[in-house]
Amino acid sequence: MSNRVSESEQIVMEVLWQESPLSSQEVVERLAAQDWNEKTVKTFLNRMVKKGVIGYETQGRKYLYSPNIKREDFIEEESNGFLDKVFKGNVKELLATFVQNKQLSKQELNYLKELLDKEQN
């Protein structure tokens, strides 16, 4: 993805990852809790089309929007960007920070242990 997706655009992406294709009006309806007006949502959609993260097809006079990237790919890229930006790629430092600041629950720690055990076998 050549252009970064803003936090607001990511909210729109989440709607499209859940269901697509959707018209702009359908996206507006699903984002009612955000309290964004239709013009704001259409601005986000147009910007995201220009970035190439979503595409559209026409159905009569309607534009139906769909994501061009998978949610998993987006999360992987964002995670790598965060890791590089904040921790200079140091996974050990990232994990130590979360563990030491008690930002991981016991369940999450157990999950990490299971993942590590799987990787070692």
N, C-alpha and C. Protein backbone atom coordinates (compact mmCIF):
# COMPACT_ATOMS: atom_id res chain seq x y z
N MET A 1 0.85 -1.16 0.00
CA MET A 1 0.00 0.00 0.00
C MET A 1 0.90 1.23 0.00
N SER A 2 0.79 2.01 -1.01
CA SER A 2 1.71 3.13 -1.14
C SER A 2 1.34 4.30 -0.22
N ASN A 3 0.09 4.50 0.04
CA ASN A 3 -0.33 5.61 0.89
C ASN A 3 -0.91 5.08 2.19
N ARG A 4 -0.57 5.73 3.26
CA ARG A 4 -1.06 5.33 4.56
C ARG A 4 -2.56 5.58 4.68
N VAL A 5 -3.21 4.74 5.46
CA VAL A 5 -4.63 4.88 5.73
C VAL A 5 -4.76 5.55 7.09
N SER A 6 -5.54 6.63 7.14
CA SER A 6 -5.75 7.34 8.40
C SER A 6 -6.64 6.49 9.33
N GLU A 7 -6.70 6.89 10.60
CA GLU A 7 -7.55 6.16 11.54
C GLU A 7 -9.01 6.20 11.09
N SER A 8 -9.47 7.34 10.61
CA SER A 8 -10.85 7.46 10.14
C SER A 8 -11.09 6.57 8.92
N GLU A 9 -10.13 6.55 8.01
CA GLU A 9 -10.26 5.69 6.83
C GLU A 9 -10.26 4.22 7.22
N GLN A 10 -9.53 3.88 8.27
CA GLN A 10 -9.52 2.49 8.72
C GLN A 10 -10.90 2.09 9.24
N ILE A 11 -11.60 3.01 9.85
CA ILE A 11 -12.97 2.73 10.31
C ILE A 11 -13.85 2.40 9.11
N VAL A 12 -13.69 3.15 8.02
CA VAL A 12 -14.44 2.87 6.80
C VAL A 12 -14.02 1.51 6.23
N MET A 13 -12.73 1.23 6.26
CA MET A 13 -12.23 -0.06 5.76
C MET A 13 -12.87 -1.22 6.53
N GLU A 14 -12.98 -1.07 7.86
CA GLU A 14 -13.57 -2.14 8.68
C GLU A 14 -14.99 -2.45 8.21
N VAL A 15 -15.76 -1.41 7.86
CA VAL A 15 -17.12 -1.62 7.34
C VAL A 15 -17.06 -2.42 6.04
N LEU A 16 -16.16 -2.05 5.15
CA LEU A 16 -16.07 -2.73 3.85
C LEU A 16 -15.50 -4.14 3.99
N TRP A 17 -14.63 -4.37 4.97
CA TRP A 17 -14.13 -5.73 5.18
C TRP A 17 -15.24 -6.63 5.70
N GLN A 18 -16.17 -6.06 6.46
CA GLN A 18 -17.27 -6.87 6.98
C GLN A 18 -18.26 -7.26 5.90
N GLU A 19 -18.49 -6.33 4.97
CA GLU A 19 -19.46 -6.58 3.89
C GLU A 19 -19.15 -5.67 2.72
N SER A 20 -19.10 -6.24 1.55
CA SER A 20 -18.90 -5.43 0.35
C SER A 20 -19.35 -6.24 -0.86
N PRO A 21 -19.67 -5.60 -1.95
CA PRO A 21 -19.62 -4.16 -2.17
C PRO A 21 -20.78 -3.44 -1.49
N LEU A 22 -20.53 -2.18 -1.14
CA LEU A 22 -21.54 -1.33 -0.52
C LEU A 22 -21.58 0.02 -1.24
N SER A 23 -22.77 0.59 -1.30
CA SER A 23 -22.90 1.96 -1.84
C SER A 23 -22.45 2.93 -0.76
N SER A 24 -22.21 4.17 -1.15
CA SER A 24 -21.81 5.18 -0.16
C SER A 24 -22.90 5.35 0.89
N GLN A 25 -24.15 5.29 0.48
CA GLN A 25 -25.26 5.42 1.43
C GLN A 25 -25.25 4.27 2.44
N GLU A 26 -24.96 3.07 1.98
CA GLU A 26 -24.89 1.92 2.88
C GLU A 26 -23.73 2.07 3.86
N VAL A 27 -22.62 2.61 3.38
CA VAL A 27 -21.48 2.86 4.27
C VAL A 27 -21.88 3.90 5.32
N VAL A 28 -22.55 4.96 4.89
CA VAL A 28 -23.02 6.01 5.81
C VAL A 28 -23.91 5.39 6.89
N GLU A 29 -24.83 4.54 6.49
CA GLU A 29 -25.75 3.90 7.44
C GLU A 29 -25.00 3.06 8.47
N ARG A 30 -23.98 2.33 8.03
CA ARG A 30 -23.22 1.46 8.93
C ARG A 30 -22.32 2.26 9.86
N LEU A 31 -22.06 3.51 9.48
CA LEU A 31 -21.21 4.37 10.31
C LEU A 31 -22.02 5.39 11.11
N ALA A 32 -23.29 5.13 11.29
CA ALA A 32 -24.16 6.07 12.01
C ALA A 32 -23.62 6.41 13.39
N ALA A 33 -23.02 5.44 14.06
CA ALA A 33 -22.48 5.67 15.40
C ALA A 33 -21.31 6.66 15.39
N GLN A 34 -20.66 6.83 14.24
CA GLN A 34 -19.53 7.76 14.13
C GLN A 34 -20.00 9.21 14.07
N ASP A 35 -21.27 9.40 13.79
CA ASP A 35 -21.84 10.75 13.68
C ASP A 35 -21.17 11.56 12.57
N TRP A 36 -20.82 10.88 11.48
CA TRP A 36 -20.28 11.54 10.30
C TRP A 36 -21.41 11.79 9.33
N ASN A 37 -21.38 12.92 8.65
CA ASN A 37 -22.42 13.15 7.65
C ASN A 37 -22.03 12.46 6.34
N GLU A 38 -22.97 12.44 5.43
CA GLU A 38 -22.76 11.74 4.16
C GLU A 38 -21.59 12.33 3.38
N LYS A 39 -21.46 13.64 3.40
CA LYS A 39 -20.37 14.29 2.67
C LYS A 39 -19.01 13.84 3.20
N THR A 40 -18.88 13.72 4.52
CA THR A 40 -17.63 13.28 5.13
C THR A 40 -17.27 11.86 4.67
N VAL A 41 -18.26 10.97 4.71
CA VAL A 41 -18.02 9.58 4.30
C VAL A 41 -17.62 9.53 2.83
N LYS A 42 -18.31 10.30 1.98
CA LYS A 42 -17.97 10.30 0.55
C LYS A 42 -16.57 10.85 0.32
N THR A 43 -16.17 11.82 1.13
CA THR A 43 -14.80 12.35 1.03
C THR A 43 -13.79 11.25 1.35
N PHE A 44 -14.06 10.50 2.42
CA PHE A 44 -13.16 9.38 2.77
C PHE A 44 -13.12 8.36 1.64
N LEU A 45 -14.28 7.99 1.11
CA LEU A 45 -14.33 7.00 0.04
C LEU A 45 -13.54 7.46 -1.18
N ASN A 46 -13.72 8.71 -1.58
CA ASN A 46 -12.99 9.24 -2.75
C ASN A 46 -11.49 9.24 -2.49
N ARG A 47 -11.09 9.67 -1.31
CA ARG A 47 -9.67 9.69 -0.96
C ARG A 47 -9.09 8.28 -0.99
N MET A 48 -9.84 7.31 -0.50
CA MET A 48 -9.36 5.93 -0.44
C MET A 48 -9.28 5.30 -1.83
N VAL A 49 -10.19 5.70 -2.72
CA VAL A 49 -10.11 5.25 -4.11
C VAL A 49 -8.83 5.78 -4.74
N LYS A 50 -8.53 7.06 -4.51
CA LYS A 50 -7.31 7.67 -5.06
C LYS A 50 -6.06 6.99 -4.53
N LYS A 51 -6.10 6.56 -3.27
CA LYS A 51 -4.95 5.85 -2.68
C LYS A 51 -4.84 4.42 -3.20
N GLY A 52 -5.94 3.91 -3.75
CA GLY A 52 -5.93 2.56 -4.27
C GLY A 52 -6.27 1.49 -3.25
N VAL A 53 -6.70 1.89 -2.06
CA VAL A 53 -7.01 0.88 -1.04
C VAL A 53 -8.42 0.32 -1.19
N ILE A 54 -9.28 1.07 -1.88
CA ILE A 54 -10.59 0.53 -2.24
C ILE A 54 -10.82 0.80 -3.72
N GLY A 55 -11.74 0.03 -4.28
CA GLY A 55 -12.13 0.22 -5.66
C GLY A 55 -13.65 0.31 -5.72
N TYR A 56 -14.17 0.52 -6.91
CA TYR A 56 -15.62 0.59 -7.05
C TYR A 56 -16.04 0.03 -8.40
N GLU A 57 -17.29 -0.34 -8.43
CA GLU A 57 -17.93 -0.72 -9.69
C GLU A 57 -19.22 0.08 -9.76
N THR A 58 -19.67 0.36 -10.94
CA THR A 58 -20.90 1.12 -11.07
C THR A 58 -22.07 0.18 -11.30
N GLN A 59 -23.18 0.55 -10.70
CA GLN A 59 -24.44 -0.18 -10.91
C GLN A 59 -25.49 0.89 -11.16
N GLY A 60 -25.73 1.16 -12.42
CA GLY A 60 -26.60 2.28 -12.77
C GLY A 60 -25.88 3.57 -12.38
N ARG A 61 -26.52 4.35 -11.52
CA ARG A 61 -25.91 5.60 -11.06
C ARG A 61 -25.19 5.43 -9.72
N LYS A 62 -25.21 4.21 -9.19
CA LYS A 62 -24.58 3.95 -7.89
C LYS A 62 -23.14 3.48 -8.07
N TYR A 63 -22.32 3.89 -7.12
CA TYR A 63 -20.97 3.35 -7.01
C TYR A 63 -20.98 2.36 -5.87
N LEU A 64 -20.49 1.15 -6.12
CA LEU A 64 -20.40 0.13 -5.09
C LEU A 64 -18.94 -0.09 -4.74
N TYR A 65 -18.59 0.12 -3.48
CA TYR A 65 -17.20 0.12 -3.03
C TYR A 65 -16.81 -1.21 -2.40
N SER A 66 -15.57 -1.60 -2.66
CA SER A 66 -15.00 -2.83 -2.08
C SER A 66 -13.53 -2.58 -1.75
N PRO A 67 -13.01 -3.28 -0.75
CA PRO A 67 -11.59 -3.12 -0.42
C PRO A 67 -10.71 -3.77 -1.49
N ASN A 68 -9.57 -3.15 -1.75
CA ASN A 68 -8.57 -3.73 -2.67
C ASN A 68 -7.50 -4.50 -1.91
N ILE A 69 -7.52 -4.39 -0.60
CA ILE A 69 -6.53 -5.11 0.21
C ILE A 69 -7.26 -5.93 1.27
N LYS A 70 -6.67 -7.06 1.60
CA LYS A 70 -7.23 -7.92 2.64
C LYS A 70 -6.91 -7.33 4.01
N ARG A 71 -7.82 -7.57 4.93
CA ARG A 71 -7.63 -7.06 6.29
C ARG A 71 -6.34 -7.61 6.89
N GLU A 72 -6.05 -8.87 6.65
CA GLU A 72 -4.84 -9.51 7.20
C GLU A 72 -3.58 -8.83 6.67
N ASP A 73 -3.58 -8.50 5.39
CA ASP A 73 -2.42 -7.82 4.79
C ASP A 73 -2.24 -6.42 5.38
N PHE A 74 -3.37 -5.74 5.57
CA PHE A 74 -3.32 -4.40 6.16
C PHE A 74 -2.75 -4.46 7.58
N ILE A 75 -3.25 -5.39 8.38
CA ILE A 75 -2.79 -5.51 9.77
C ILE A 75 -1.30 -5.85 9.81
N GLU A 76 -0.87 -6.74 8.93
CA GLU A 76 0.55 -7.09 8.89
C GLU A 76 1.41 -5.88 8.55
N GLU A 77 0.99 -5.11 7.56
CA GLU A 77 1.77 -3.94 7.16
C GLU A 77 1.78 -2.88 8.27
N GLU A 78 0.62 -2.64 8.87
CA GLU A 78 0.54 -1.66 9.96
C GLU A 78 1.38 -2.10 11.15
N SER A 79 1.33 -3.38 11.48
CA SER A 79 2.11 -3.91 12.60
C SER A 79 3.60 -3.75 12.36
N ASN A 80 4.03 -4.08 11.15
CA ASN A 80 5.45 -3.93 10.82
C ASN A 80 5.87 -2.47 10.86
N GLY A 81 4.99 -1.59 10.38
CA GLY A 81 5.29 -0.16 10.42
C GLY A 81 5.42 0.35 11.85
N PHE A 82 4.51 -0.08 12.71
CA PHE A 82 4.55 0.30 14.12
C PHE A 82 5.82 -0.22 14.78
N LEU A 83 6.13 -1.48 14.53
CA LEU A 83 7.32 -2.10 15.12
C LEU A 83 8.58 -1.37 14.68
N ASP A 84 8.66 -1.05 13.39
CA ASP A 84 9.84 -0.34 12.88
C ASP A 84 9.92 1.08 13.42
N LYS A 85 8.79 1.77 13.43
CA LYS A 85 8.77 3.17 13.84
C LYS A 85 9.05 3.34 15.33
N VAL A 86 8.37 2.57 16.16
CA VAL A 86 8.46 2.76 17.60
C VAL A 86 9.60 1.98 18.23
N PHE A 87 9.83 0.75 17.76
CA PHE A 87 10.82 -0.12 18.40
C PHE A 87 12.01 -0.45 17.49
N LYS A 88 12.11 0.26 16.37
CA LYS A 88 13.20 0.05 15.41
C LYS A 88 13.35 -1.43 15.03
N GLY A 89 12.19 -2.12 14.92
CA GLY A 89 12.18 -3.52 14.51
C GLY A 89 12.48 -4.52 15.61
N ASN A 90 12.65 -4.07 16.83
CA ASN A 90 13.04 -4.95 17.94
C ASN A 90 11.80 -5.55 18.61
N VAL A 91 11.45 -6.80 18.22
CA VAL A 91 10.28 -7.48 18.76
C VAL A 91 10.44 -7.74 20.26
N LYS A 92 11.65 -8.09 20.66
CA LYS A 92 11.91 -8.36 22.08
C LYS A 92 11.57 -7.14 22.93
N GLU A 93 11.96 -5.97 22.48
CA GLU A 93 11.67 -4.74 23.22
C GLU A 93 10.16 -4.46 23.26
N LEU A 94 9.50 -4.70 22.14
CA LEU A 94 8.05 -4.53 22.09
C LEU A 94 7.36 -5.41 23.12
N LEU A 95 7.68 -6.70 23.11
CA LEU A 95 7.04 -7.63 24.04
C LEU A 95 7.39 -7.29 25.48
N ALA A 96 8.64 -6.95 25.74
CA ALA A 96 9.05 -6.59 27.10
C ALA A 96 8.26 -5.38 27.60
N THR A 97 8.05 -4.42 26.73
CA THR A 97 7.29 -3.22 27.11
C THR A 97 5.86 -3.57 27.50
N PHE A 98 5.22 -4.41 26.70
CA PHE A 98 3.84 -4.79 27.01
C PHE A 98 3.77 -5.63 28.30
N VAL A 99 4.68 -6.56 28.47
CA VAL A 99 4.67 -7.42 29.65
C VAL A 99 4.99 -6.60 30.90
N GLN A 100 6.02 -5.77 30.84
CA GLN A 100 6.43 -5.00 32.02
C GLN A 100 5.40 -3.96 32.41
N ASN A 101 4.66 -3.44 31.47
CA ASN A 101 3.63 -2.45 31.79
C ASN A 101 2.27 -3.10 32.07
N LYS A 102 2.29 -4.43 32.19
CA LYS A 102 1.09 -5.20 32.48
C LYS A 102 -0.06 -4.89 31.51
N GLN A 103 0.30 -4.71 30.28
CA GLN A 103 -0.72 -4.43 29.27
C GLN A 103 -1.22 -5.72 28.62
N LEU A 104 -0.72 -6.85 29.08
CA LEU A 104 -1.19 -8.13 28.58
C LEU A 104 -1.86 -8.88 29.73
N SER A 105 -3.02 -9.44 29.45
CA SER A 105 -3.72 -10.23 30.47
C SER A 105 -3.04 -11.59 30.58
N LYS A 106 -3.39 -12.33 31.62
CA LYS A 106 -2.85 -13.69 31.77
C LYS A 106 -3.22 -14.55 30.57
N GLN A 107 -4.44 -14.37 30.09
CA GLN A 107 -4.89 -15.13 28.92
C GLN A 107 -4.03 -14.79 27.70
N GLU A 108 -3.73 -13.52 27.51
CA GLU A 108 -2.90 -13.11 26.38
C GLU A 108 -1.47 -13.63 26.53
N LEU A 109 -0.94 -13.61 27.74
CA LEU A 109 0.40 -14.16 27.98
C LEU A 109 0.43 -15.65 27.69
N ASN A 110 -0.61 -16.37 28.12
CA ASN A 110 -0.68 -17.80 27.84
C ASN A 110 -0.75 -18.07 26.34
N TYR A 111 -1.49 -17.23 25.64
CA TYR A 111 -1.58 -17.37 24.19
C TYR A 111 -0.21 -17.17 23.54
N LEU A 112 0.53 -16.15 23.98
CA LEU A 112 1.88 -15.93 23.46
C LEU A 112 2.79 -17.12 23.74
N LYS A 113 2.68 -17.67 24.95
CA LYS A 113 3.49 -18.86 25.30
C LYS A 113 3.16 -20.02 24.36
N GLU A 114 1.87 -20.22 24.09
CA GLU A 114 1.47 -21.29 23.18
C GLU A 114 2.05 -21.06 21.78
N LEU A 115 1.99 -19.83 21.30
CA LEU A 115 2.55 -19.52 19.99
C LEU A 115 4.04 -19.81 19.94
N LEU A 116 4.74 -19.39 21.00
CA LEU A 116 6.20 -19.63 21.06
C LEU A 116 6.51 -21.11 21.12
N ASP A 117 5.72 -21.86 21.86
CA ASP A 117 5.92 -23.31 21.95
C ASP A 117 5.73 -23.96 20.58
N LYS A 118 4.71 -23.53 19.85
CA LYS A 118 4.45 -24.06 18.51
C LYS A 118 5.61 -23.78 17.55
N GLU A 119 6.17 -22.56 17.65
CA GLU A 119 7.27 -22.15 16.78
C GLU A 119 8.54 -22.94 17.07
N GLN A 120 8.72 -23.34 18.32
CA GLN A 120 9.94 -24.07 18.69
C GLN A 120 9.86 -25.53 18.29
N ASN A 121 8.67 -26.05 18.08
CA ASN A 121 8.50 -27.47 17.72
C ASN A 121 8.44 -27.66 16.23
